[in-house]
Protein backbone atom coordinates (compact mmCIF):
# COMPACT_ATOMS: atom_id res chain seq x y z
CA MET A 1 57.26 120.40 64.27
CA LEU A 2 58.54 123.61 64.75
CA THR A 3 54.89 125.42 64.43
CA LEU A 4 53.73 122.22 66.82
CA VAL A 5 56.38 123.18 69.68
CA MET A 6 55.74 127.00 69.16
CA GLY A 7 52.12 126.73 69.24
CA THR A 8 52.01 124.68 72.10
CA PHE A 9 54.43 126.74 73.84
CA LEU A 10 52.52 130.06 73.25
CA PHE A 11 49.28 128.35 74.21
CA GLY A 12 51.32 127.11 77.65
CA VAL A 13 51.86 131.13 77.90
CA TRP A 14 48.44 132.28 77.34
CA LEU A 15 46.92 129.39 79.60
CA TYR A 16 49.79 130.41 82.55
CA LYS A 17 48.84 133.91 82.08
CA ARG A 18 45.15 134.05 82.23
CA THR A 19 45.22 131.27 85.34
CA LYS A 20 48.32 132.22 87.25
CA ILE A 21 48.25 128.39 88.34
CA THR A 22 51.80 127.50 89.11
CA LEU A 23 51.74 124.06 87.52
CA LEU A 24 50.64 125.76 84.39
CA GLN A 25 54.06 126.59 83.00
CA PRO A 26 54.57 126.68 79.70
CA LEU A 27 57.53 124.44 79.28
CA LEU A 28 55.34 121.97 81.11
CA ILE A 29 52.32 122.47 79.06
CA SER A 30 54.27 121.91 75.82
CA MET A 31 55.65 118.53 77.04
CA VAL A 32 52.16 117.48 78.24
CA ILE A 33 50.97 118.19 74.34
CA ILE A 34 54.17 116.97 72.54
CA ILE A 35 54.89 113.67 73.97
CA PRO A 36 51.54 112.32 73.57
CA PHE A 37 51.09 113.98 70.07
CA LEU A 38 54.48 112.11 69.06
CA LYS A 39 53.33 108.91 70.75
CA VAL A 40 49.81 108.54 69.09
CA THR A 41 50.98 109.52 65.49
CA GLY A 42 54.04 107.10 65.70
CA ILE A 43 56.49 110.02 64.85
CA GLU A 44 59.80 109.23 66.20
CA TYR A 45 61.91 111.15 67.82
CA GLN A 46 64.76 111.44 65.55
CA THR A 47 62.32 113.09 63.14
CA PHE A 48 60.95 115.49 65.59
CA TYR A 49 64.69 116.26 66.43
CA GLN A 50 65.83 116.81 62.80
CA GLN A 51 62.89 118.99 62.30
CA THR A 52 63.41 121.00 65.29
CA ARG A 53 66.96 121.38 65.24
CA LEU A 54 66.98 125.28 64.54
CA LEU A 55 65.11 125.67 67.61
CA ASN A 56 67.78 123.61 69.31
CA PHE A 57 70.37 125.48 67.74
CA MET A 58 68.75 128.82 68.79
CA LEU A 59 68.60 127.85 72.48
CA GLY A 60 72.27 127.05 72.47
CA PRO A 61 73.24 131.05 72.52
CA SER A 62 70.12 132.12 74.35
CA VAL A 63 71.39 129.78 77.73
CA VAL A 64 75.04 131.39 77.31
CA ALA A 65 73.30 134.76 77.29
CA LEU A 66 71.18 134.16 80.29
CA GLY A 67 73.89 132.49 82.03
CA PHE A 68 75.96 135.69 81.28
CA VAL A 69 73.26 138.21 82.62
CA LEU A 70 72.97 136.07 85.73
CA TYR A 71 76.87 135.81 86.37
CA GLU A 72 76.63 140.13 86.15
CA GLN A 73 74.01 140.23 88.77
CA MET A 74 75.76 137.73 91.07
CA GLU A 75 76.58 140.14 93.65
CA HIS A 76 72.85 141.56 93.91
CA ILE A 77 71.62 137.90 94.00
CA ARG A 78 74.10 136.80 96.61
CA GLY A 79 72.79 140.16 98.55
CA ASN A 80 69.02 139.00 98.23
CA VAL A 81 69.71 135.50 99.03
CA VAL A 82 71.44 136.31 102.36
CA SER A 83 68.95 138.77 103.56
CA ILE A 84 66.36 136.68 102.67
CA HIS A 85 67.91 134.24 105.12
CA PHE A 86 68.53 135.88 107.78
CA SER A 87 65.09 137.75 107.80
CA VAL A 88 63.96 134.09 107.69
CA VAL A 89 65.87 132.92 110.65
CA HIS A 90 65.00 135.83 112.83
């Protein structure tokens, strides 16, 4: 299952880079492939979750790390949002 998840995501990355079509985001492509695959093969979500729990575990710290980086850049982000807002209004 880890191979399926990683493979579909990498396929999505390749497809997005090749086409630059916004709707072809890797996460969306992965969901569109994996969900029907699980339905057609009859694999239950419990089984899928158990077999991909390592990936789920690794996502937790990565989300926290991303949040920390965004928090550190908050002043810069606010400055850009304010300048964009004023340029649109005027």
